[in-house]
């Protein structure tokens, strides 16, 4: 178990950061003039983009391979989206000072999919690089 988590330290820390940010009471921060409309959705997208990148990086480093398999990328994406869904459900049921929203869930999913797509495209480009 310890060896399996060795390369996922950043992923775990980032997942805990996401959980903390998504469950604390931020008061009226969202109504601040410093933020634009949709800032919350962009934040969700970015948080889950980084989570998926860290997770895939940990898998690549653990397996000591150059490329991530499509299956692994798909599994990581589904797990990241499920984590986002779990947080939204917890916001609706337990953390009642927050509101679980479909828009936030969609932003989580888009961020995770963007990260997986980016990794697959970069790996494809590196694999087809001219010598």
N, C-alpha and C. Protein backbone atom coordinates (compact mmCIF):
# COMPACT_ATOMS: atom_id res chain seq x y z
N UNK A 1 0.83 -1.19 0.00
CA UNK A 1 0.00 0.00 0.00
C UNK A 1 0.87 1.26 0.00
N UNK A 2 1.93 1.21 0.81
CA UNK A 2 2.82 2.36 0.89
C UNK A 2 3.48 2.63 -0.46
N UNK A 3 3.88 1.58 -1.14
CA UNK A 3 4.51 1.73 -2.45
C UNK A 3 3.52 2.25 -3.48
N UNK A 4 2.27 1.85 -3.35
CA UNK A 4 1.25 2.29 -4.30
C UNK A 4 0.97 3.78 -4.16
N UNK A 5 1.09 4.31 -2.96
CA UNK A 5 0.81 5.73 -2.72
C UNK A 5 2.05 6.61 -2.84
N UNK A 6 3.20 6.01 -3.01
CA UNK A 6 4.46 6.75 -3.05
C UNK A 6 4.44 7.86 -4.09
N UNK A 7 3.91 7.58 -5.25
CA UNK A 7 3.91 8.54 -6.34
C UNK A 7 2.63 9.37 -6.41
N UNK A 8 1.74 9.15 -5.48
CA UNK A 8 0.46 9.88 -5.50
C UNK A 8 0.35 10.90 -4.37
N UNK A 9 1.46 11.31 -3.79
CA UNK A 9 1.41 12.27 -2.68
C UNK A 9 0.79 13.59 -3.10
N UNK A 10 1.22 14.12 -4.25
CA UNK A 10 0.64 15.38 -4.73
C UNK A 10 -0.85 15.24 -5.03
N UNK A 11 -1.22 14.09 -5.57
CA UNK A 11 -2.63 13.84 -5.89
C UNK A 11 -3.47 13.86 -4.62
N UNK A 12 -2.99 13.19 -3.58
CA UNK A 12 -3.73 13.12 -2.32
C UNK A 12 -3.82 14.50 -1.68
N UNK A 13 -2.72 15.23 -1.66
CA UNK A 13 -2.74 16.58 -1.10
C UNK A 13 -3.69 17.49 -1.87
N UNK A 14 -3.67 17.38 -3.20
CA UNK A 14 -4.55 18.22 -4.01
C UNK A 14 -6.01 17.83 -3.81
N UNK A 15 -6.29 16.54 -3.69
CA UNK A 15 -7.66 16.09 -3.44
C UNK A 15 -8.16 16.61 -2.09
N UNK A 16 -7.29 16.61 -1.09
CA UNK A 16 -7.66 17.16 0.22
C UNK A 16 -7.88 18.67 0.14
N UNK A 17 -7.05 19.35 -0.65
CA UNK A 17 -7.23 20.79 -0.87
C UNK A 17 -8.58 21.07 -1.52
N UNK A 18 -8.91 20.29 -2.55
CA UNK A 18 -10.20 20.46 -3.22
C UNK A 18 -11.34 20.24 -2.24
N UNK A 19 -11.24 19.18 -1.45
CA UNK A 19 -12.29 18.86 -0.48
C UNK A 19 -12.45 20.01 0.51
N UNK A 20 -11.35 20.55 0.99
CA UNK A 20 -11.39 21.65 1.95
C UNK A 20 -12.02 22.89 1.34
N UNK A 21 -11.54 23.26 0.15
CA UNK A 21 -12.06 24.46 -0.52
C UNK A 21 -13.56 24.32 -0.81
N UNK A 22 -13.99 23.12 -1.17
CA UNK A 22 -15.39 22.92 -1.57
C UNK A 22 -16.33 22.71 -0.38
N UNK A 23 -15.80 22.58 0.83
CA UNK A 23 -16.68 22.32 1.97
C UNK A 23 -16.66 23.42 3.03
N UNK A 24 -15.72 24.35 2.96
CA UNK A 24 -15.70 25.41 3.98
C UNK A 24 -16.75 26.47 3.65
N UNK A 25 -17.15 27.19 4.68
CA UNK A 25 -18.13 28.27 4.52
C UNK A 25 -17.37 29.52 4.09
N UNK A 26 -17.58 29.95 2.86
CA UNK A 26 -16.88 31.11 2.33
C UNK A 26 -17.67 32.40 2.52
N UNK A 27 -18.83 32.33 3.10
CA UNK A 27 -19.64 33.52 3.33
C UNK A 27 -20.07 34.16 2.02
N UNK A 28 -19.88 35.46 1.92
CA UNK A 28 -20.31 36.20 0.72
C UNK A 28 -19.19 36.45 -0.26
N UNK A 29 -18.16 35.62 -0.25
CA UNK A 29 -17.02 35.81 -1.14
C UNK A 29 -17.45 35.78 -2.61
N UNK A 30 -18.40 34.94 -2.93
CA UNK A 30 -18.82 34.82 -4.33
C UNK A 30 -19.51 36.08 -4.86
N UNK A 31 -19.95 36.94 -3.96
CA UNK A 31 -20.60 38.18 -4.37
C UNK A 31 -19.62 39.36 -4.40
N UNK A 32 -18.36 39.08 -4.18
CA UNK A 32 -17.33 40.12 -4.18
C UNK A 32 -17.16 40.69 -5.59
N UNK A 33 -16.90 41.98 -5.71
CA UNK A 33 -16.67 42.57 -7.04
C UNK A 33 -15.35 42.14 -7.67
N UNK A 34 -14.52 41.45 -6.91
CA UNK A 34 -13.24 40.97 -7.45
C UNK A 34 -13.42 39.80 -8.41
N UNK A 35 -14.54 39.11 -8.31
CA UNK A 35 -14.78 37.92 -9.12
C UNK A 35 -15.81 38.20 -10.20
N UNK A 36 -15.59 37.62 -11.37
CA UNK A 36 -16.54 37.77 -12.47
C UNK A 36 -17.57 36.65 -12.44
N UNK A 37 -18.63 36.83 -13.18
CA UNK A 37 -19.68 35.81 -13.26
C UNK A 37 -19.07 34.55 -13.88
N UNK A 38 -19.24 33.43 -13.25
CA UNK A 38 -18.68 32.18 -13.76
C UNK A 38 -17.32 31.84 -13.19
N UNK A 39 -16.80 32.68 -12.32
CA UNK A 39 -15.49 32.43 -11.71
C UNK A 39 -15.48 31.08 -10.98
N UNK A 40 -16.58 30.78 -10.32
CA UNK A 40 -16.71 29.51 -9.58
C UNK A 40 -16.55 28.31 -10.52
N UNK A 41 -17.16 28.40 -11.69
CA UNK A 41 -17.09 27.28 -12.65
C UNK A 41 -15.68 27.11 -13.19
N UNK A 42 -15.00 28.23 -13.48
CA UNK A 42 -13.62 28.17 -13.96
C UNK A 42 -12.72 27.57 -12.88
N UNK A 43 -12.97 27.93 -11.64
CA UNK A 43 -12.19 27.39 -10.52
C UNK A 43 -12.37 25.88 -10.41
N UNK A 44 -13.61 25.42 -10.49
CA UNK A 44 -13.88 23.98 -10.43
C UNK A 44 -13.15 23.26 -11.57
N UNK A 45 -13.24 23.80 -12.76
CA UNK A 45 -12.59 23.21 -13.92
C UNK A 45 -11.08 23.11 -13.69
N UNK A 46 -10.48 24.18 -13.22
CA UNK A 46 -9.04 24.19 -12.97
C UNK A 46 -8.61 23.23 -11.87
N UNK A 47 -9.39 23.16 -10.80
CA UNK A 47 -9.06 22.25 -9.70
C UNK A 47 -9.02 20.80 -10.17
N UNK A 48 -10.02 20.41 -10.97
CA UNK A 48 -10.08 19.02 -11.41
C UNK A 48 -9.14 18.75 -12.58
N UNK A 49 -8.78 19.77 -13.34
CA UNK A 49 -7.74 19.62 -14.35
C UNK A 49 -6.42 19.24 -13.67
N UNK A 50 -6.06 19.99 -12.64
CA UNK A 50 -4.81 19.73 -11.92
C UNK A 50 -4.85 18.37 -11.21
N UNK A 51 -5.98 18.03 -10.61
CA UNK A 51 -6.11 16.73 -9.95
C UNK A 51 -5.83 15.59 -10.91
N UNK A 52 -6.42 15.65 -12.08
CA UNK A 52 -6.25 14.59 -13.08
C UNK A 52 -4.81 14.54 -13.60
N UNK A 53 -4.19 15.70 -13.79
CA UNK A 53 -2.79 15.74 -14.22
C UNK A 53 -1.89 15.09 -13.17
N UNK A 54 -2.08 15.46 -11.91
CA UNK A 54 -1.27 14.87 -10.83
C UNK A 54 -1.46 13.36 -10.77
N UNK A 55 -2.70 12.91 -10.89
CA UNK A 55 -3.02 11.49 -10.79
C UNK A 55 -2.36 10.72 -11.94
N UNK A 56 -2.48 11.22 -13.15
CA UNK A 56 -1.87 10.55 -14.30
C UNK A 56 -0.35 10.56 -14.19
N UNK A 57 0.22 11.67 -13.73
CA UNK A 57 1.66 11.74 -13.54
C UNK A 57 2.14 10.70 -12.54
N UNK A 58 1.39 10.53 -11.46
CA UNK A 58 1.75 9.52 -10.47
C UNK A 58 1.72 8.11 -11.05
N UNK A 59 0.75 7.83 -11.89
CA UNK A 59 0.67 6.51 -12.53
C UNK A 59 1.85 6.29 -13.47
N UNK A 60 2.17 7.30 -14.25
CA UNK A 60 3.30 7.18 -15.18
C UNK A 60 4.59 6.95 -14.41
N UNK A 61 4.79 7.70 -13.34
CA UNK A 61 6.03 7.55 -12.54
C UNK A 61 6.08 6.20 -11.84
N UNK A 62 4.94 5.73 -11.33
CA UNK A 62 4.91 4.45 -10.62
C UNK A 62 5.23 3.29 -11.57
N UNK A 63 4.65 3.32 -12.76
CA UNK A 63 4.84 2.23 -13.71
C UNK A 63 6.15 2.35 -14.48
N UNK A 64 6.82 3.49 -14.32
CA UNK A 64 8.09 3.73 -15.02
C UNK A 64 7.96 3.50 -16.53
N UNK A 65 6.87 4.04 -17.05
CA UNK A 65 6.64 3.97 -18.49
C UNK A 65 6.67 5.38 -19.05
N UNK A 66 6.82 5.47 -20.34
CA UNK A 66 6.86 6.77 -20.98
C UNK A 66 5.46 7.32 -21.24
N UNK A 67 4.52 6.41 -21.46
CA UNK A 67 3.18 6.82 -21.85
C UNK A 67 2.13 6.17 -20.97
N UNK A 68 1.04 6.88 -20.79
CA UNK A 68 -0.10 6.39 -20.04
C UNK A 68 -1.05 5.68 -21.01
N UNK A 69 -1.55 4.52 -20.62
CA UNK A 69 -2.47 3.81 -21.51
C UNK A 69 -3.81 4.54 -21.55
N UNK A 70 -4.52 4.33 -22.63
CA UNK A 70 -5.85 4.94 -22.77
C UNK A 70 -6.78 4.45 -21.67
N UNK A 71 -6.64 3.20 -21.29
CA UNK A 71 -7.48 2.63 -20.23
C UNK A 71 -7.21 3.34 -18.90
N UNK A 72 -5.94 3.53 -18.58
CA UNK A 72 -5.60 4.23 -17.34
C UNK A 72 -6.10 5.66 -17.36
N UNK A 73 -5.97 6.34 -18.48
CA UNK A 73 -6.46 7.71 -18.60
C UNK A 73 -7.98 7.76 -18.40
N UNK A 74 -8.68 6.80 -18.97
CA UNK A 74 -10.13 6.75 -18.83
C UNK A 74 -10.53 6.47 -17.38
N UNK A 75 -9.84 5.56 -16.73
CA UNK A 75 -10.15 5.23 -15.33
C UNK A 75 -9.91 6.44 -14.43
N UNK A 76 -8.80 7.12 -14.63
CA UNK A 76 -8.49 8.30 -13.82
C UNK A 76 -9.55 9.37 -14.05
N UNK A 77 -9.96 9.55 -15.29
CA UNK A 77 -10.97 10.56 -15.60
C UNK A 77 -12.29 10.23 -14.92
N UNK A 78 -12.72 8.99 -15.02
CA UNK A 78 -13.98 8.58 -14.39
C UNK A 78 -13.89 8.74 -12.87
N UNK A 79 -12.76 8.38 -12.27
CA UNK A 79 -12.61 8.52 -10.82
C UNK A 79 -12.59 9.99 -10.40
N UNK A 80 -11.96 10.85 -11.19
CA UNK A 80 -11.93 12.28 -10.88
C UNK A 80 -13.34 12.87 -10.96
N UNK A 81 -14.08 12.48 -11.99
CA UNK A 81 -15.46 12.97 -12.14
C UNK A 81 -16.32 12.45 -10.99
N UNK A 82 -16.13 11.21 -10.60
CA UNK A 82 -16.89 10.63 -9.48
C UNK A 82 -16.57 11.38 -8.18
N UNK A 83 -15.31 11.75 -7.99
CA UNK A 83 -14.92 12.53 -6.81
C UNK A 83 -15.63 13.88 -6.82
N UNK A 84 -15.69 14.51 -7.96
CA UNK A 84 -16.42 15.77 -8.09
C UNK A 84 -17.90 15.60 -7.77
N UNK A 85 -18.49 14.51 -8.26
CA UNK A 85 -19.89 14.22 -7.96
C UNK A 85 -20.12 13.98 -6.49
N UNK A 86 -19.20 13.26 -5.85
CA UNK A 86 -19.31 13.01 -4.42
C UNK A 86 -19.28 14.32 -3.63
N UNK A 87 -18.40 15.21 -4.01
CA UNK A 87 -18.32 16.50 -3.32
C UNK A 87 -19.62 17.28 -3.49
N UNK A 88 -20.19 17.26 -4.68
CA UNK A 88 -21.45 17.98 -4.90
C UNK A 88 -22.58 17.37 -4.09
N UNK A 89 -22.61 16.04 -3.99
CA UNK A 89 -23.63 15.37 -3.17
C UNK A 89 -23.45 15.73 -1.70
N UNK A 90 -22.20 15.76 -1.24
CA UNK A 90 -21.94 16.14 0.15
C UNK A 90 -22.34 17.59 0.41
N UNK A 91 -22.15 18.45 -0.57
CA UNK A 91 -22.56 19.85 -0.41
C UNK A 91 -24.08 19.96 -0.30
N UNK A 92 -24.81 19.12 -1.01
CA UNK A 92 -26.28 19.17 -0.95
C UNK A 92 -26.82 18.58 0.35
N UNK A 93 -26.14 17.57 0.89
CA UNK A 93 -26.71 16.84 2.01
C UNK A 93 -26.09 17.15 3.37
N UNK A 94 -24.77 17.27 3.43
CA UNK A 94 -24.10 17.43 4.73
C UNK A 94 -23.64 18.87 4.96
N UNK A 95 -22.94 19.42 4.00
CA UNK A 95 -22.42 20.78 4.13
C UNK A 95 -23.46 21.75 3.59
N UNK A 96 -24.52 21.95 4.37
CA UNK A 96 -25.68 22.69 3.88
C UNK A 96 -25.41 24.17 3.67
N UNK A 97 -24.32 24.69 4.17
CA UNK A 97 -23.97 26.09 3.91
C UNK A 97 -23.43 26.25 2.49
N UNK A 98 -23.17 25.15 1.83
CA UNK A 98 -22.77 25.16 0.42
C UNK A 98 -23.90 24.57 -0.40
N UNK A 99 -23.89 24.82 -1.69
CA UNK A 99 -24.95 24.27 -2.54
C UNK A 99 -24.32 23.39 -3.62
N UNK A 100 -24.79 22.17 -3.68
CA UNK A 100 -24.36 21.28 -4.76
C UNK A 100 -25.06 21.68 -6.04
N UNK A 101 -24.28 21.89 -7.09
CA UNK A 101 -24.87 22.36 -8.34
C UNK A 101 -24.44 21.47 -9.51
N UNK A 102 -25.35 21.30 -10.45
CA UNK A 102 -25.03 20.54 -11.66
C UNK A 102 -23.95 21.26 -12.46
N UNK A 103 -23.98 22.58 -12.44
CA UNK A 103 -22.98 23.35 -13.17
C UNK A 103 -21.57 23.12 -12.63
N UNK A 104 -21.46 23.03 -11.31
CA UNK A 104 -20.15 22.73 -10.71
C UNK A 104 -19.69 21.32 -11.09
N UNK A 105 -20.62 20.38 -11.06
CA UNK A 105 -20.29 19.00 -11.44
C UNK A 105 -19.84 18.94 -12.90
N UNK A 106 -20.54 19.67 -13.76
CA UNK A 106 -20.16 19.71 -15.18
C UNK A 106 -18.78 20.33 -15.35
N UNK A 107 -18.48 21.36 -14.58
CA UNK A 107 -17.16 21.99 -14.65
C UNK A 107 -16.07 21.04 -14.17
N UNK A 108 -16.37 20.27 -13.12
CA UNK A 108 -15.42 19.25 -12.64
C UNK A 108 -15.13 18.24 -13.75
N UNK A 109 -16.19 17.78 -14.38
CA UNK A 109 -16.04 16.78 -15.45
C UNK A 109 -15.28 17.34 -16.64
N UNK A 110 -15.57 18.58 -17.01
CA UNK A 110 -14.86 19.20 -18.13
C UNK A 110 -13.38 19.35 -17.82
N UNK A 111 -13.05 19.77 -16.60
CA UNK A 111 -11.64 19.90 -16.21
C UNK A 111 -10.91 18.57 -16.25
N UNK A 112 -11.54 17.51 -15.74
CA UNK A 112 -10.92 16.18 -15.75
C UNK A 112 -10.73 15.68 -17.19
N UNK A 113 -11.74 15.88 -18.02
CA UNK A 113 -11.65 15.43 -19.42
C UNK A 113 -10.61 16.22 -20.20
N UNK A 114 -10.53 17.53 -19.93
CA UNK A 114 -9.51 18.35 -20.60
C UNK A 114 -8.11 17.86 -20.24
N UNK A 115 -7.89 17.51 -18.99
CA UNK A 115 -6.57 17.04 -18.56
C UNK A 115 -6.23 15.71 -19.22
N UNK A 116 -7.16 14.77 -19.21
CA UNK A 116 -6.90 13.47 -19.83
C UNK A 116 -6.66 13.62 -21.32
N UNK A 117 -7.45 14.46 -21.98
CA UNK A 117 -7.27 14.70 -23.41
C UNK A 117 -5.90 15.33 -23.67
N UNK A 118 -5.51 16.27 -22.84
CA UNK A 118 -4.21 16.92 -23.00
C UNK A 118 -3.07 15.92 -22.87
N UNK A 119 -3.17 15.04 -21.89
CA UNK A 119 -2.11 14.05 -21.69
C UNK A 119 -2.04 13.10 -22.88
N UNK A 120 -3.18 12.63 -23.34
CA UNK A 120 -3.20 11.71 -24.48
C UNK A 120 -2.63 12.39 -25.73
N UNK A 121 -3.00 13.64 -25.98
CA UNK A 121 -2.50 14.36 -27.16
C UNK A 121 -1.00 14.60 -27.05
N UNK A 122 -0.53 15.00 -25.88
CA UNK A 122 0.91 15.23 -25.70
C UNK A 122 1.70 13.94 -25.89
N UNK A 123 1.19 12.85 -25.32
CA UNK A 123 1.87 11.57 -25.49
C UNK A 123 1.86 11.14 -26.95
N UNK A 124 0.76 11.35 -27.64
CA UNK A 124 0.69 11.00 -29.06
C UNK A 124 1.71 11.82 -29.84
N UNK A 125 1.79 13.12 -29.53
CA UNK A 125 2.73 13.99 -30.23
C UNK A 125 4.17 13.56 -29.95
N UNK A 126 4.48 13.21 -28.73
CA UNK A 126 5.82 12.77 -28.38
C UNK A 126 6.17 11.44 -29.05
N UNK A 127 5.16 10.59 -29.18
CA UNK A 127 5.38 9.29 -29.82
C UNK A 127 5.57 9.41 -31.31
N UNK A 128 5.07 10.47 -31.92
CA UNK A 128 5.18 10.66 -33.36
C UNK A 128 6.15 11.77 -33.73
N UNK A 129 6.97 12.13 -32.79
CA UNK A 129 7.95 13.19 -33.03
C UNK A 129 9.00 12.68 -34.03
N UNK A 130 9.35 13.53 -34.96
CA UNK A 130 10.37 13.16 -35.95
C UNK A 130 11.73 13.17 -35.29
N UNK A 131 12.52 12.21 -35.62
CA UNK A 131 13.86 12.12 -35.03
C UNK A 131 14.84 13.01 -35.74
